[in-house]
Amino acid sequence: MRDFKKYDIWKLSHSFTLEIYSLTKTFPKEEIYGLTSQLRRASSSIPTNISEGCGRDSDAEFNRFLTISLGSATESEYLIILSKELNYIDLSSFEKLNSDINRIKQKIYSLKQKLK
């Protein structure tokens, strides 16, 4: 069994999720059950699936959970773009989050390649 806390990709995605939670506190109240909730769920799904995959018995199963994490990262990327275009986040926040999520996606992809 792998220790998910030792993976840089888990640490990065956990930090990303904490940033998303902090940032979405400023979103309009009417978005609490919409964009706020969707972005929080998508971002938290990244480290959650990495953690769950680490608890599986095989590289193939771990890889499957990394694929799910990658999908959640891509969903988060879109929701960040949408948040910017709705003027819920400023350009500086967008650029940092966009850079972070693309780094996370690259690291997930690299880890998936190592497991093949």
PDB file of N, CA and C in Angstrom:
ATOM      1  N   MET A   1       0.845  -1.183   0.000  1.00  0.00           N
ATOM      2  CA  MET A   1       0.000   0.000   0.000  1.00  0.00           C
ATOM      3  C   MET A   1       0.890   1.246   0.000  1.00  0.00           C
ATOM      4  N   ARG A   2       0.523   2.209  -0.817  1.00  0.00           N
ATOM      5  CA  ARG A   2       1.282   3.454  -0.934  1.00  0.00           C
ATOM      6  C   ARG A   2       0.806   4.480   0.093  1.00  0.00           C
ATOM      7  N   ASP A   3       1.694   5.355   0.515  1.00  0.00           N
ATOM      8  CA  ASP A   3       1.338   6.458   1.407  1.00  0.00           C
ATOM      9  C   ASP A   3       1.113   7.696   0.550  1.00  0.00           C
ATOM     10  N   PHE A   4      -0.152   8.068   0.350  1.00  0.00           N
ATOM     11  CA  PHE A   4      -0.478   9.175  -0.547  1.00  0.00           C
ATOM     12  C   PHE A   4       0.157  10.490  -0.123  1.00  0.00           C
ATOM     13  N   LYS A   5       0.410  10.658   1.171  1.00  0.00           N
ATOM     14  CA  LYS A   5       0.979  11.908   1.677  1.00  0.00           C
ATOM     15  C   LYS A   5       2.423  12.124   1.220  1.00  0.00           C
ATOM     16  N   LYS A   6       3.060  11.081   0.709  1.00  0.00           N
ATOM     17  CA  LYS A   6       4.440  11.189   0.232  1.00  0.00           C
ATOM     18  C   LYS A   6       4.527  11.629  -1.229  1.00  0.00           C
ATOM     19  N   TYR A   7       3.412  11.649  -1.919  1.00  0.00           N
ATOM     20  CA  TYR A   7       3.408  12.010  -3.335  1.00  0.00           C
ATOM     21  C   TYR A   7       3.309  13.524  -3.501  1.00  0.00           C
ATOM     22  N   ASP A   8       4.261  14.085  -4.247  1.00  0.00           N
ATOM     23  CA  ASP A   8       4.225  15.525  -4.523  1.00  0.00           C
ATOM     24  C   ASP A   8       2.913  15.926  -5.190  1.00  0.00           C
ATOM     25  N   ILE A   9       2.419  15.081  -6.065  1.00  0.00           N
ATOM     26  CA  ILE A   9       1.180  15.411  -6.775  1.00  0.00           C
ATOM     27  C   ILE A   9       0.001  15.511  -5.802  1.00  0.00           C
ATOM     28  N   TRP A  10       0.004  14.685  -4.764  1.00  0.00           N
ATOM     29  CA  TRP A  10      -1.060  14.806  -3.761  1.00  0.00           C
ATOM     30  C   TRP A  10      -0.901  16.127  -3.000  1.00  0.00           C
ATOM     31  N   LYS A  11       0.327  16.461  -2.606  1.00  0.00           N
ATOM     32  CA  LYS A  11       0.574  17.712  -1.871  1.00  0.00           C
ATOM     33  C   LYS A  11       0.163  18.920  -2.698  1.00  0.00           C
ATOM     34  N   LEU A  12       0.533  18.924  -3.966  1.00  0.00           N
ATOM     35  CA  LEU A  12       0.173  20.042  -4.845  1.00  0.00           C
ATOM     36  C   LEU A  12      -1.345  20.162  -5.004  1.00  0.00           C
ATOM     37  N   SER A  13      -1.989  19.039  -5.224  1.00  0.00           N
ATOM     38  CA  SER A  13      -3.436  19.086  -5.450  1.00  0.00           C
ATOM     39  C   SER A  13      -4.196  19.410  -4.164  1.00  0.00           C
ATOM     40  N   HIS A  14      -3.670  18.996  -3.037  1.00  0.00           N
ATOM     41  CA  HIS A  14      -4.284  19.361  -1.758  1.00  0.00           C
ATOM     42  C   HIS A  14      -4.168  20.872  -1.538  1.00  0.00           C
ATOM     43  N   SER A  15      -3.002  21.433  -1.786  1.00  0.00           N
ATOM     44  CA  SER A  15      -2.803  22.886  -1.656  1.00  0.00           C
ATOM     45  C   SER A  15      -3.705  23.645  -2.622  1.00  0.00           C
ATOM     46  N   PHE A  16      -3.826  23.124  -3.840  1.00  0.00           N
ATOM     47  CA  PHE A  16      -4.705  23.732  -4.839  1.00  0.00           C
ATOM     48  C   PHE A  16      -6.146  23.767  -4.329  1.00  0.00           C
ATOM     49  N   THR A  17      -6.594  22.668  -3.757  1.00  0.00           N
ATOM     50  CA  THR A  17      -7.955  22.589  -3.226  1.00  0.00           C
ATOM     51  C   THR A  17      -8.163  23.603  -2.102  1.00  0.00           C
ATOM     52  N   LEU A  18      -7.181  23.735  -1.226  1.00  0.00           N
ATOM     53  CA  LEU A  18      -7.286  24.728  -0.150  1.00  0.00           C
ATOM     54  C   LEU A  18      -7.392  26.148  -0.722  1.00  0.00           C
ATOM     55  N   GLU A  19      -6.632  26.421  -1.786  1.00  0.00           N
ATOM     56  CA  GLU A  19      -6.719  27.733  -2.444  1.00  0.00           C
ATOM     57  C   GLU A  19      -8.108  27.957  -3.028  1.00  0.00           C
ATOM     58  N   ILE A  20      -8.650  26.928  -3.653  1.00  0.00           N
ATOM     59  CA  ILE A  20      -9.987  27.038  -4.250  1.00  0.00           C
ATOM     60  C   ILE A  20     -11.028  27.314  -3.174  1.00  0.00           C
ATOM     61  N   TYR A  21     -10.956  26.602  -2.076  1.00  0.00           N
ATOM     62  CA  TYR A  21     -11.912  26.834  -0.991  1.00  0.00           C
ATOM     63  C   TYR A  21     -11.821  28.269  -0.476  1.00  0.00           C
ATOM     64  N   SER A  22     -10.615  28.766  -0.316  1.00  0.00           N
ATOM     65  CA  SER A  22     -10.429  30.131   0.160  1.00  0.00           C
ATOM     66  C   SER A  22     -10.968  31.142  -0.848  1.00  0.00           C
ATOM     67  N   LEU A  23     -10.626  30.949  -2.099  1.00  0.00           N
ATOM     68  CA  LEU A  23     -11.046  31.882  -3.147  1.00  0.00           C
ATOM     69  C   LEU A  23     -12.559  31.903  -3.333  1.00  0.00           C
ATOM     70  N   THR A  24     -13.186  30.743  -3.285  1.00  0.00           N
ATOM     71  CA  THR A  24     -14.627  30.686  -3.559  1.00  0.00           C
ATOM     72  C   THR A  24     -15.468  31.262  -2.423  1.00  0.00           C
ATOM     73  N   LYS A  25     -14.849  31.556  -1.291  1.00  0.00           N
ATOM     74  CA  LYS A  25     -15.580  32.247  -0.223  1.00  0.00           C
ATOM     75  C   LYS A  25     -16.044  33.627  -0.673  1.00  0.00           C
ATOM     76  N   THR A  26     -15.368  34.180  -1.684  1.00  0.00           N
ATOM     77  CA  THR A  26     -15.713  35.516  -2.179  1.00  0.00           C
ATOM     78  C   THR A  26     -16.715  35.473  -3.327  1.00  0.00           C
ATOM     79  N   PHE A  27     -17.069  34.294  -3.800  1.00  0.00           N
ATOM     80  CA  PHE A  27     -18.020  34.183  -4.901  1.00  0.00           C
ATOM     81  C   PHE A  27     -19.400  34.661  -4.442  1.00  0.00           C
ATOM     82  N   PRO A  28     -20.235  35.120  -5.373  1.00  0.00           N
ATOM     83  CA  PRO A  28     -21.591  35.571  -4.996  1.00  0.00           C
ATOM     84  C   PRO A  28     -22.377  34.462  -4.299  1.00  0.00           C
ATOM     85  N   LYS A  29     -23.200  34.860  -3.350  1.00  0.00           N
ATOM     86  CA  LYS A  29     -23.990  33.890  -2.579  1.00  0.00           C
ATOM     87  C   LYS A  29     -24.902  33.044  -3.471  1.00  0.00           C
ATOM     88  N   GLU A  30     -25.378  33.616  -4.581  1.00  0.00           N
ATOM     89  CA  GLU A  30     -26.269  32.841  -5.453  1.00  0.00           C
ATOM     90  C   GLU A  30     -25.537  31.689  -6.156  1.00  0.00           C
ATOM     91  N   GLU A  31     -24.198  31.671  -6.067  1.00  0.00           N
ATOM     92  CA  GLU A  31     -23.410  30.591  -6.668  1.00  0.00           C
ATOM     93  C   GLU A  31     -23.099  29.464  -5.684  1.00  0.00           C
ATOM     94  N   ILE A  32     -23.557  29.565  -4.449  1.00  0.00           N
ATOM     95  CA  ILE A  32     -23.204  28.578  -3.425  1.00  0.00           C
ATOM     96  C   ILE A  32     -23.564  27.150  -3.846  1.00  0.00           C
ATOM     97  N   TYR A  33     -24.688  26.978  -4.540  1.00  0.00           N
ATOM     98  CA  TYR A  33     -25.089  25.637  -4.983  1.00  0.00           C
ATOM     99  C   TYR A  33     -24.756  25.404  -6.446  1.00  0.00           C
ATOM    100  N   GLY A  34     -24.108  26.379  -7.070  1.00  0.00           N
ATOM    101  CA  GLY A  34     -23.726  26.275  -8.472  1.00  0.00           C
ATOM    102  C   GLY A  34     -22.226  26.189  -8.621  1.00  0.00           C
ATOM    103  N   LEU A  35     -21.655  27.254  -9.131  1.00  0.00           N
ATOM    104  CA  LEU A  35     -20.233  27.268  -9.454  1.00  0.00           C
ATOM    105  C   LEU A  35     -19.334  27.034  -8.238  1.00  0.00           C
ATOM    106  N   THR A  36     -19.671  27.623  -7.115  1.00  0.00           N
ATOM    107  CA  THR A  36     -18.856  27.431  -5.903  1.00  0.00           C
ATOM    108  C   THR A  36     -18.772  25.950  -5.543  1.00  0.00           C
ATOM    109  N   SER A  37     -19.922  25.320  -5.465  1.00  0.00           N
ATOM    110  CA  SER A  37     -19.978  23.900  -5.117  1.00  0.00           C
ATOM    111  C   SER A  37     -19.280  23.043  -6.170  1.00  0.00           C
ATOM    112  N   GLN A  38     -19.524  23.322  -7.439  1.00  0.00           N
ATOM    113  CA  GLN A  38     -18.935  22.531  -8.523  1.00  0.00           C
ATOM    114  C   GLN A  38     -17.408  22.624  -8.511  1.00  0.00           C
ATOM    115  N   LEU A  39     -16.886  23.833  -8.338  1.00  0.00           N
ATOM    116  CA  LEU A  39     -15.438  24.023  -8.339  1.00  0.00           C
ATOM    117  C   LEU A  39     -14.795  23.373  -7.115  1.00  0.00           C
ATOM    118  N   ARG A  40     -15.442  23.484  -5.990  1.00  0.00           N
ATOM    119  CA  ARG A  40     -14.916  22.841  -4.784  1.00  0.00           C
ATOM    120  C   ARG A  40     -14.901  21.323  -4.929  1.00  0.00           C
ATOM    121  N   ARG A  41     -15.979  20.762  -5.471  1.00  0.00           N
ATOM    122  CA  ARG A  41     -16.042  19.302  -5.636  1.00  0.00           C
ATOM    123  C   ARG A  41     -15.022  18.813  -6.653  1.00  0.00           C
ATOM    124  N   ALA A  42     -14.887  19.534  -7.769  1.00  0.00           N
ATOM    125  CA  ALA A  42     -13.932  19.121  -8.802  1.00  0.00           C
ATOM    126  C   ALA A  42     -12.503  19.172  -8.271  1.00  0.00           C
ATOM    127  N   SER A  43     -12.167  20.262  -7.585  1.00  0.00           N
ATOM    128  CA  SER A  43     -10.788  20.393  -7.089  1.00  0.00           C
ATOM    129  C   SER A  43     -10.485  19.368  -5.999  1.00  0.00           C
ATOM    130  N   SER A  44     -11.427  19.140  -5.104  1.00  0.00           N
ATOM    131  CA  SER A  44     -11.169  18.182  -4.023  1.00  0.00           C
ATOM    132  C   SER A  44     -11.150  16.739  -4.525  1.00  0.00           C
ATOM    133  N   SER A  45     -11.759  16.504  -5.674  1.00  0.00           N
ATOM    134  CA  SER A  45     -11.749  15.167  -6.263  1.00  0.00           C
ATOM    135  C   SER A  45     -10.347  14.763  -6.724  1.00  0.00           C
ATOM    136  N   ILE A  46      -9.502  15.747  -7.020  1.00  0.00           N
ATOM    137  CA  ILE A  46      -8.141  15.427  -7.491  1.00  0.00           C
ATOM    138  C   ILE A  46      -7.352  14.706  -6.397  1.00  0.00           C
ATOM    139  N   PRO A  47      -7.118  15.333  -5.237  1.00  0.00           N
ATOM    140  CA  PRO A  47      -6.358  14.615  -4.203  1.00  0.00           C
ATOM    141  C   PRO A  47      -7.126  13.432  -3.606  1.00  0.00           C
ATOM    142  N   THR A  48      -8.442  13.508  -3.625  1.00  0.00           N
ATOM    143  CA  THR A  48      -9.246  12.400  -3.093  1.00  0.00           C
ATOM    144  C   THR A  48      -9.003  11.129  -3.899  1.00  0.00           C
ATOM    145  N   ASN A  49      -9.013  11.244  -5.222  1.00  0.00           N
ATOM    146  CA  ASN A  49      -8.805  10.056  -6.061  1.00  0.00           C
ATOM    147  C   ASN A  49      -7.370   9.572  -6.029  1.00  0.00           C
ATOM    148  N   ILE A  50      -6.426  10.491  -5.871  1.00  0.00           N
ATOM    149  CA  ILE A  50      -5.037  10.060  -5.700  1.00  0.00           C
ATOM    150  C   ILE A  50      -4.917   9.242  -4.415  1.00  0.00           C
ATOM    151  N   SER A  51      -5.529   9.742  -3.352  1.00  0.00           N
ATOM    152  CA  SER A  51      -5.510   9.026  -2.060  1.00  0.00           C
ATOM    153  C   SER A  51      -6.143   7.654  -2.185  1.00  0.00           C
ATOM    154  N   GLU A  52      -7.312   7.606  -2.807  1.00  0.00           N
ATOM    155  CA  GLU A  52      -8.012   6.332  -2.938  1.00  0.00           C
ATOM    156  C   GLU A  52      -7.211   5.351  -3.790  1.00  0.00           C
ATOM    157  N   GLY A  53      -6.602   5.852  -4.863  1.00  0.00           N
ATOM    158  CA  GLY A  53      -5.791   4.993  -5.722  1.00  0.00           C
ATOM    159  C   GLY A  53      -4.605   4.404  -4.988  1.00  0.00           C
ATOM    160  N   CYS A  54      -4.033   5.185  -4.072  1.00  0.00           N
ATOM    161  CA  CYS A  54      -2.888   4.697  -3.285  1.00  0.00           C
ATOM    162  C   CYS A  54      -3.278   3.519  -2.401  1.00  0.00           C
ATOM    163  N   GLY A  55      -4.525   3.423  -2.058  1.00  0.00           N
ATOM    164  CA  GLY A  55      -4.992   2.339  -1.205  1.00  0.00           C
ATOM    165  C   GLY A  55      -5.340   1.073  -1.958  1.00  0.00           C
ATOM    166  N   ARG A  56      -5.183   1.097  -3.270  1.00  0.00           N
ATOM    167  CA  ARG A  56      -5.501  -0.075  -4.086  1.00  0.00           C
ATOM    168  C   ARG A  56      -4.301  -1.003  -4.218  1.00  0.00           C
ATOM    169  N   ASP A  57      -4.578  -2.210  -4.659  1.00  0.00           N
ATOM    170  CA  ASP A  57      -3.560  -3.263  -4.666  1.00  0.00           C
ATOM    171  C   ASP A  57      -2.608  -3.253  -5.854  1.00  0.00           C
ATOM    172  N   SER A  58      -3.006  -2.664  -6.964  1.00  0.00           N
ATOM    173  CA  SER A  58      -2.170  -2.798  -8.161  1.00  0.00           C
ATOM    174  C   SER A  58      -1.907  -1.447  -8.815  1.00  0.00           C
ATOM    175  N   ASP A  59      -0.853  -1.443  -9.634  1.00  0.00           N
ATOM    176  CA  ASP A  59      -0.547  -0.239 -10.410  1.00  0.00           C
ATOM    177  C   ASP A  59      -1.694   0.095 -11.365  1.00  0.00           C
ATOM    178  N   ALA A  60      -2.322  -0.928 -11.915  1.00  0.00           N
ATOM    179  CA  ALA A  60      -3.427  -0.706 -12.854  1.00  0.00           C
ATOM    180  C   ALA A  60      -4.584   0.016 -12.162  1.00  0.00           C
ATOM    181  N   GLU A  61      -4.903  -0.401 -10.941  1.00  0.00           N
ATOM    182  CA  GLU A  61      -5.979   0.271 -10.207  1.00  0.00           C
ATOM    183  C   GLU A  61      -5.586   1.698  -9.837  1.00  0.00           C
ATOM    184  N   PHE A  62      -4.351   1.873  -9.405  1.00  0.00           N
ATOM    185  CA  PHE A  62      -3.849   3.209  -9.082  1.00  0.00           C
ATOM    186  C   PHE A  62      -3.940   4.107 -10.317  1.00  0.00           C
ATOM    187  N   ASN A  63      -3.536   3.573 -11.454  1.00  0.00           N
ATOM    188  CA  ASN A  63      -3.589   4.315 -12.707  1.00  0.00           C
ATOM    189  C   ASN A  63      -5.017   4.740 -13.047  1.00  0.00           C
ATOM    190  N   ARG A  64      -5.981   3.874 -12.794  1.00  0.00           N
ATOM    191  CA  ARG A  64      -7.391   4.195 -13.065  1.00  0.00           C
ATOM    192  C   ARG A  64      -7.842   5.385 -12.217  1.00  0.00           C
ATOM    193  N   PHE A  65      -7.435   5.428 -10.955  1.00  0.00           N
ATOM    194  CA  PHE A  65      -7.807   6.552 -10.090  1.00  0.00           C
ATOM    195  C   PHE A  65      -7.069   7.834 -10.496  1.00  0.00           C
ATOM    196  N   LEU A  66      -5.855   7.682 -11.027  1.00  0.00           N
ATOM    197  CA  LEU A  66      -5.150   8.850 -11.554  1.00  0.00           C
ATOM    198  C   LEU A  66      -5.875   9.405 -12.776  1.00  0.00           C
ATOM    199  N   THR A  67      -6.446   8.532 -13.582  1.00  0.00           N
ATOM    200  CA  THR A  67      -7.231   8.971 -14.737  1.00  0.00           C
ATOM    201  C   THR A  67      -8.437   9.786 -14.278  1.00  0.00           C
ATOM    202  N   ILE A  68      -9.079   9.341 -13.230  1.00  0.00           N
ATOM    203  CA  ILE A  68     -10.220  10.087 -12.683  1.00  0.00           C
ATOM    204  C   ILE A  68      -9.745  11.445 -12.156  1.00  0.00           C
ATOM    205  N   SER A  69      -8.601  11.465 -11.476  1.00  0.00           N
ATOM    206  CA  SER A  69      -8.023  12.724 -10.981  1.00  0.00           C
ATOM    207  C   SER A  69      -7.728  13.681 -12.125  1.00  0.00           C
ATOM    208  N   LEU A  70      -7.211  13.147 -13.213  1.00  0.00           N
ATOM    209  CA  LEU A  70      -6.902  13.969 -14.378  1.00  0.00           C
ATOM    210  C   LEU A  70      -8.177  14.590 -14.957  1.00  0.00           C
ATOM    211  N   GLY A  71      -9.240  13.826 -14.986  1.00  0.00           N
ATOM    212  CA  GLY A  71     -10.530  14.355 -15.442  1.00  0.00           C
ATOM    213  C   GLY A  71     -11.022  15.473 -14.540  1.00  0.00           C
ATOM    214  N   SER A  72     -10.875  15.296 -13.243  1.00  0.00           N
ATOM    215  CA  SER A  72     -11.289  16.326 -12.283  1.00  0.00           C
ATOM    216  C   SER A  72     -10.428  17.580 -12.413  1.00  0.00           C
ATOM    217  N   ALA A  73      -9.150  17.387 -12.713  1.00  0.00           N
ATOM    218  CA  ALA A  73      -8.259  18.529 -12.919  1.00  0.00           C
ATOM    219  C   ALA A  73      -8.673  19.323 -14.151  1.00  0.00           C
ATOM    220  N   THR A  74      -9.039  18.622 -15.211  1.00  0.00           N
ATOM    221  CA  THR A  74      -9.488  19.286 -16.429  1.00  0.00           C
ATOM    222  C   THR A  74     -10.811  20.016 -16.185  1.00  0.00           C
ATOM    223  N   GLU A  75     -11.698  19.412 -15.434  1.00  0.00           N
ATOM    224  CA  GLU A  75     -12.952  20.073 -15.058  1.00  0.00           C
ATOM    225  C   GLU A  75     -12.657  21.329 -14.243  1.00  0.00           C
ATOM    226  N   SER A  76     -11.744  21.236 -13.299  1.00  0.00           N
ATOM    227  CA  SER A  76     -11.359  22.400 -12.492  1.00  0.00           C
ATOM    228  C   SER A  76     -10.792  23.508 -13.374  1.00  0.00           C
ATOM    229  N   GLU A  77      -9.986  23.117 -14.349  1.00  0.00           N
ATOM    230  CA  GLU A  77      -9.394  24.108 -15.258  1.00  0.00           C
ATOM    231  C   GLU A  77     -10.489  24.911 -15.965  1.00  0.00           C
ATOM    232  N   TYR A  78     -11.492  24.205 -16.494  1.00  0.00           N
ATOM    233  CA  TYR A  78     -12.597  24.911 -17.151  1.00  0.00           C
ATOM    234  C   TYR A  78     -13.337  25.831 -16.176  1.00  0.00           C
ATOM    235  N   LEU A  79     -13.610  25.344 -14.991  1.00  0.00           N
ATOM    236  CA  LEU A  79     -14.368  26.137 -14.019  1.00  0.00           C
ATOM    237  C   LEU A  79     -13.595  27.381 -13.579  1.00  0.00           C
ATOM    238  N   ILE A  80     -12.281  27.308 -13.591  1.00  0.00           N
ATOM    239  CA  ILE A  80     -11.455  28.483 -13.300  1.00  0.00           C
ATOM    240  C   ILE A  80     -11.602  29.506 -14.428  1.00  0.00           C
ATOM    241  N   ILE A  81     -11.586  29.021 -15.662  1.00  0.00           N
ATOM    242  CA  ILE A  81     -11.785  29.907 -16.815  1.00  0.00           C
ATOM    243  C   ILE A  81     -13.149  30.584 -16.718  1.00  0.00           C
ATOM    244  N   LEU A  82     -14.169  29.798 -16.421  1.00  0.00           N
ATOM    245  CA  LEU A  82     -15.521  30.343 -16.285  1.00  0.00           C
ATOM    246  C   LEU A  82     -15.585  31.382 -15.173  1.00  0.00           C
ATOM    247  N   SER A  83     -14.958  31.086 -14.050  1.00  0.00           N
ATOM    248  CA  SER A  83     -14.940  32.023 -12.916  1.00  0.00           C
ATOM    249  C   SER A  83     -14.304  33.355 -13.302  1.00  0.00           C
ATOM    250  N   LYS A  84     -13.242  33.283 -14.078  1.00  0.00           N
ATOM    251  CA  LYS A  84     -12.577  34.512 -14.536  1.00  0.00           C
ATOM    252  C   LYS A  84     -13.495  35.294 -15.468  1.00  0.00           C
ATOM    253  N   GLU A  85     -14.106  34.598 -16.408  1.00  0.00           N
ATOM    254  CA  GLU A  85     -14.948  35.275 -17.399  1.00  0.00           C
ATOM    255  C   GLU A  85     -16.223  35.841 -16.779  1.00  0.00           C
ATOM    256  N   LEU A  86     -16.629  35.306 -15.647  1.00  0.00           N
ATOM    257  CA  LEU A  86     -17.773  35.862 -14.904  1.00  0.00           C
ATOM    258  C   LEU A  86     -17.329  36.962 -13.935  1.00  0.00           C
ATOM    259  N   ASN A  87     -16.012  37.254 -13.953  1.00  0.00           N
ATOM    260  CA  ASN A  87     -15.410  38.272 -13.084  1.00  0.00           C
ATOM    261  C   ASN A  87     -15.528  37.933 -11.595  1.00  0.00           C
ATOM    262  N   TYR A  88     -15.504  36.634 -11.281  1.00  0.00           N
ATOM    263  CA  TYR A  88     -15.496  36.193  -9.890  1.00  0.00           C
ATOM    264  C   TYR A  88     -14.074  36.122  -9.345  1.00  0.00           C
ATOM    265  N   ILE A  89     -13.096  35.998 -10.260  1.00  0.00           N
ATOM    266  CA  ILE A  89     -11.697  36.029  -9.853  1.00  0.00           C
ATOM    267  C   ILE A  89     -10.950  37.019 -10.745  1.00  0.00           C
ATOM    268  N   ASP A  90      -9.926  37.623 -10.194  1.00  0.00           N
ATOM    269  CA  ASP A  90      -9.146  38.591 -10.965  1.00  0.00           C
ATOM    270  C   ASP A  90      -8.091  37.883 -11.812  1.00  0.00           C
ATOM    271  N   LEU A  91      -7.464  38.639 -12.692  1.00  0.00           N
ATOM    272  CA  LEU A  91      -6.493  38.081 -13.627  1.00  0.00           C
ATOM    273  C   LEU A  91      -5.315  37.426 -12.908  1.00  0.00           C
ATOM    274  N   SER A  92      -4.824  38.061 -11.857  1.00  0.00           N
ATOM    275  CA  SER A  92      -3.695  37.526 -11.114  1.00  0.00           C
ATOM    276  C   SER A  92      -4.034  36.161 -10.497  1.00  0.00           C
ATOM    277  N   SER A  93      -5.187  36.060  -9.870  1.00  0.00           N
ATOM    278  CA  SER A  93      -5.628  34.783  -9.275  1.00  0.00           C
ATOM    279  C   SER A  93      -5.817  33.726 -10.352  1.00  0.00           C
ATOM    280  N   PHE A  94      -6.422  34.142 -11.464  1.00  0.00           N
ATOM    281  CA  PHE A  94      -6.635  33.210 -12.575  1.00  0.00           C
ATOM    282  C   PHE A  94      -5.304  32.650 -13.076  1.00  0.00           C
ATOM    283  N   GLU A  95      -4.334  33.526 -13.301  1.00  0.00           N
ATOM    284  CA  GLU A  95      -3.054  33.086 -13.840  1.00  0.00           C
ATOM    285  C   GLU A  95      -2.350  32.106 -12.911  1.00  0.00           C
ATOM    286  N   LYS A  96      -2.408  32.365 -11.609  1.00  0.00           N
ATOM    287  CA  LYS A  96      -1.787  31.448 -10.652  1.00  0.00           C
ATOM    288  C   LYS A  96      -2.499  30.100 -10.639  1.00  0.00           C
ATOM    289  N   LEU A  97      -3.832  30.140 -10.544  1.00  0.00           N
ATOM    290  CA  LEU A  97      -4.593  28.893 -10.504  1.00  0.00           C
ATOM    291  C   LEU A  97      -4.447  28.107 -11.803  1.00  0.00           C
ATOM    292  N   ASN A  98      -4.453  28.810 -12.917  1.00  0.00           N
ATOM    293  CA  ASN A  98      -4.308  28.149 -14.213  1.00  0.00           C
ATOM    294  C   ASN A  98      -2.932  27.485 -14.328  1.00  0.00           C
ATOM    295  N   SER A  99      -1.910  28.171 -13.874  1.00  0.00           N
ATOM    296  CA  SER A  99      -0.567  27.598 -13.870  1.00  0.00           C
ATOM    297  C   SER A  99      -0.508  26.375 -12.951  1.00  0.00           C
ATOM    298  N   ASP A 100      -1.090  26.509 -11.763  1.00  0.00           N
ATOM    299  CA  ASP A 100      -1.098  25.403 -10.794  1.00  0.00           C
ATOM    300  C   ASP A 100      -1.809  24.175 -11.348  1.00  0.00           C
ATOM    301  N   ILE A 101      -2.980  24.375 -11.950  1.00  0.00           N
ATOM    302  CA  ILE A 101      -3.758  23.218 -12.412  1.00  0.00           C
ATOM    303  C   ILE A 101      -3.066  22.550 -13.597  1.00  0.00           C
ATOM    304  N   ASN A 102      -2.407  23.332 -14.430  1.00  0.00           N
ATOM    305  CA  ASN A 102      -1.689  22.723 -15.553  1.00  0.00           C
ATOM    306  C   ASN A 102      -0.458  21.960 -15.081  1.00  0.00           C
ATOM    307  N   ARG A 103       0.182  22.440 -14.044  1.00  0.00           N
ATOM    308  CA  ARG A 103       1.304  21.713 -13.440  1.00  0.00           C
ATOM    309  C   ARG A 103       0.810  20.390 -12.836  1.00  0.00           C
ATOM    310  N   ILE A 104      -0.319  20.449 -12.155  1.00  0.00           N
ATOM    311  CA  ILE A 104      -0.918  19.242 -11.570  1.00  0.00           C
ATOM    312  C   ILE A 104      -1.250  18.235 -12.670  1.00  0.00           C
ATOM    313  N   LYS A 105      -1.865  18.697 -13.735  1.00  0.00           N
ATOM    314  CA  LYS A 105      -2.212  17.799 -14.840  1.00  0.00           C
ATOM    315  C   LYS A 105      -0.967  17.145 -15.433  1.00  0.00           C
ATOM    316  N   GLN A 106       0.094  17.909 -15.630  1.00  0.00           N
ATOM    317  CA  GLN A 106       1.334  17.353 -16.170  1.00  0.00           C
ATOM    318  C   GLN A 106       1.923  16.289 -15.244  1.00  0.00           C
ATOM    319  N   LYS A 107       1.889  16.561 -13.947  1.00  0.00           N
ATOM    320  CA  LYS A 107       2.453  15.603 -12.985  1.00  0.00           C
ATOM    321  C   LYS A 107       1.615  14.327 -12.906  1.00  0.00           C
ATOM    322  N   ILE A 108       0.299  14.462 -12.983  1.00  0.00           N
ATOM    323  CA  ILE A 108      -0.552  13.266 -12.992  1.00  0.00           C
ATOM    324  C   ILE A 108      -0.232  12.440 -14.234  1.00  0.00           C
ATOM    325  N   TYR A 109      -0.156  13.096 -15.366  1.00  0.00           N
ATOM    326  CA  TYR A 109       0.131  12.389 -16.617  1.00  0.00           C
ATOM    327  C   TYR A 109       1.481  11.670 -16.536  1.00  0.00           C
ATOM    328  N   SER A 110       2.482  12.355 -16.009  1.00  0.00           N
ATOM    329  CA  SER A 110       3.809  11.740 -15.872  1.00  0.00           C
ATOM    330  C   SER A 110       3.775  10.519 -14.963  1.00  0.00           C
ATOM    331  N   LEU A 111       3.068  10.622 -13.856  1.00  0.00           N
ATOM    332  CA  LEU A 111       2.952   9.479 -12.950  1.00  0.00           C
ATOM    333  C   LEU A 111       2.230   8.327 -13.618  1.00  0.00           C
ATOM    334  N   LYS A 112       1.188   8.625 -14.372  1.00  0.00           N
ATOM    335  CA  LYS A 112       0.468   7.582 -15.100  1.00  0.00           C
ATOM    336  C   LYS A 112       1.400   6.861 -16.063  1.00  0.00           C
ATOM    337  N   GLN A 113       2.265   7.595 -16.752  1.00  0.00           N
ATOM    338  CA  GLN A 113       3.194   6.984 -17.710  1.00  0.00           C
ATOM    339  C   GLN A 113       4.172   6.050 -17.001  1.00  0.00           C
ATOM    340  N   LYS A 114       4.585   6.413 -15.794  1.00  0.00           N
ATOM    341  CA  LYS A 114       5.523   5.571 -15.033  1.00  0.00           C
ATOM    342  C   LYS A 114       4.878   4.263 -14.574  1.00  0.00           C
ATOM    343  N   LEU A 115       3.576   4.267 -14.424  1.00  0.00           N
ATOM    344  CA  LEU A 115       2.870   3.070 -13.945  1.00  0.00           C
ATOM    345  C   LEU A 115       2.579   2.066 -15.053  1.00  0.00           C
ATOM    346  N   LYS A 116       2.752   2.461 -16.297  1.00  0.00           N
ATOM    347  CA  LYS A 116       2.434   1.548 -17.408  1.00  0.00           C
ATOM    348  C   LYS A 116       3.467   0.468 -17.560  1.00  0.00           C
TER     349      LYS A 116
END
